[in-house]
Amino acid sequence: MKRRLIPVLPKDSLLSMPTKQLMGRLHSLQRCEEAEAIADRIRMEIAAAKGILFKDSPQWRKAHNELKSVLATREHMPSAAERVEIRRQRARPRTEKKRNKPAGVRRQPLN
C-alpha cells in the first residue's frame, strides 16, 4: 500500500493551521513506516521522494517535535472514550421509581 508523502512544513505554517488539521498531520506522521531498510518501496521511489517517508529520518523527528510543541499550546481535544464518558455524565439520570416498578402493575385512577 502506497501512502502519500507528508510534506515538510515550516513551524510558522503549523501555527496558522486549525487544531483538527494538526491532529490529522500527527496521525499521518504516526503512520509512517519505521525505517528504509524494512520498507516496501524500491530505492528509486525513495530517492525521488520529496517529503517524509520514514520515522527514523531527521525530517520526521523535527516535524514530529515541532508539531507536538504547537499542539501543546492548543486546547485539549477529547478522545472518543472521553466523549462517551462526557455524554454519559450529561445524560439525565433515571429516577428510582421508574427503575424499580414491577412489570404488569397498573395505577389506579384518582377519581
Protein backbone atom coordinates (compact mmCIF):
# COMPACT_ATOMS: atom_id res chain seq x y z
CA MET A 1 0.00 0.00 0.00
CA LYS A 2 1.44 3.35 -1.03
CA ARG A 3 1.00 6.24 1.32
CA ARG A 4 1.15 9.85 0.33
CA LEU A 5 4.26 11.75 1.23
CA ILE A 6 3.99 14.08 4.19
CA PRO A 7 5.31 17.48 3.16
CA VAL A 8 7.93 19.21 5.28
CA LEU A 9 6.32 22.40 6.60
CA PRO A 10 7.88 25.32 8.45
CA LYS A 11 6.75 25.88 12.04
CA ASP A 12 5.12 29.19 11.05
CA SER A 13 2.63 27.39 8.82
CA LEU A 14 1.79 24.96 11.65
CA LEU A 15 0.87 27.87 13.89
CA SER A 16 -1.76 29.05 11.42
CA MET A 17 -3.38 25.61 10.95
CA PRO A 18 -6.54 24.63 12.86
CA THR A 19 -6.18 22.02 15.60
CA LYS A 20 -8.14 19.40 13.70
CA GLN A 21 -5.76 19.69 10.75
CA LEU A 22 -2.77 19.43 13.09
CA MET A 23 -4.24 16.26 14.61
CA GLY A 24 -4.57 14.81 11.11
CA ARG A 25 -0.93 15.62 10.39
CA LEU A 26 0.08 13.94 13.65
CA HIS A 27 -1.88 10.84 12.67
CA SER A 28 -0.16 10.81 9.27
CA LEU A 29 3.27 11.13 10.88
CA GLN A 30 2.47 8.28 13.25
CA ARG A 31 1.50 6.03 10.31
CA CYS A 32 4.88 6.44 8.56
CA GLU A 33 6.98 3.33 8.04
CA GLU A 34 9.65 2.65 10.64
CA ALA A 35 12.80 2.55 8.51
CA GLU A 36 14.06 2.47 4.94
CA ALA A 37 15.62 -0.95 5.48
CA ILE A 38 12.23 -2.61 6.05
CA ALA A 39 10.23 -0.51 3.59
CA ASP A 40 8.03 -1.84 0.80
CA ARG A 41 9.23 0.80 -1.64
CA ILE A 42 12.03 0.47 -4.16
CA ARG A 43 15.16 2.58 -3.81
CA MET A 44 14.37 4.79 -6.82
CA GLU A 45 10.99 5.71 -5.31
CA ILE A 46 12.64 6.59 -2.01
CA ALA A 47 15.34 8.68 -3.70
CA ALA A 48 12.76 10.61 -5.75
CA ALA A 49 10.53 11.33 -2.73
CA LYS A 50 10.24 14.96 -1.67
CA GLY A 51 8.70 14.52 1.76
CA ILE A 52 8.71 12.48 4.94
CA LEU A 53 8.52 8.70 4.49
CA PHE A 54 10.23 7.08 7.49
CA LYS A 55 10.23 7.55 11.24
CA ASP A 56 13.98 7.10 11.51
CA SER A 57 14.68 10.18 9.37
CA PRO A 58 15.76 13.51 10.89
CA GLN A 59 12.95 15.27 8.98
CA TRP A 60 10.36 13.07 10.73
CA ARG A 61 11.82 13.77 14.17
CA LYS A 62 11.94 17.50 13.52
CA ALA A 63 8.39 17.60 12.10
CA HIS A 64 7.05 15.50 15.00
CA ASN A 65 8.74 17.66 17.67
CA GLU A 66 7.55 20.91 16.08
CA LEU A 67 4.02 19.57 15.73
CA LYS A 68 3.92 18.39 19.36
CA SER A 69 5.15 21.78 20.57
CA VAL A 70 2.41 23.58 18.60
CA LEU A 71 -0.26 21.15 19.81
CA ALA A 72 0.86 21.70 23.41
CA THR A 73 -0.34 25.31 23.12
CA ARG A 74 -3.80 24.33 21.82
CA GLU A 75 -6.98 23.31 23.58
CA HIS A 76 -7.49 19.68 24.55
CA MET A 77 -9.32 17.53 22.00
CA PRO A 78 -11.13 14.72 23.86
CA SER A 79 -10.68 11.19 22.60
CA ALA A 80 -13.63 9.01 21.60
CA ALA A 81 -13.67 7.33 25.02
CA GLU A 82 -13.62 10.72 26.77
CA ARG A 83 -16.53 11.95 24.62
CA VAL A 84 -18.57 8.86 25.51
CA GLU A 85 -17.96 9.45 29.21
CA ILE A 86 -18.94 13.14 28.90
CA ARG A 87 -22.20 12.21 27.15
CA ARG A 88 -22.92 9.54 29.77
CA GLN A 89 -22.45 12.05 32.59
CA ARG A 90 -24.63 14.65 30.85
CA ALA A 91 -27.49 12.20 30.34
CA ARG A 92 -30.49 12.74 32.57
CA PRO A 93 -30.40 10.23 35.43
CA ARG A 94 -33.40 7.93 35.67
CA THR A 95 -35.40 8.03 38.88
CA GLU A 96 -35.57 5.03 41.18
CA LYS A 97 -39.37 4.83 40.85
CA LYS A 98 -39.15 4.11 37.16
CA ARG A 99 -36.37 1.55 37.56
CA ASN A 100 -37.95 -0.48 40.37
CA LYS A 101 -41.51 -0.51 39.09
CA PRO A 102 -42.74 -4.12 38.89
CA ALA A 103 -43.98 -5.24 35.50
CA GLY A 104 -47.73 -5.57 34.98
CA VAL A 105 -48.81 -3.26 37.85
CA ARG A 106 -51.24 -0.54 36.78
CA ARG A 107 -52.04 2.71 38.52
CA GLN A 108 -55.47 3.29 39.94
CA PRO A 109 -57.39 6.30 38.59
CA LEU A 110 -57.68 9.23 41.01
CA ASN A 111 -61.49 9.73 40.64
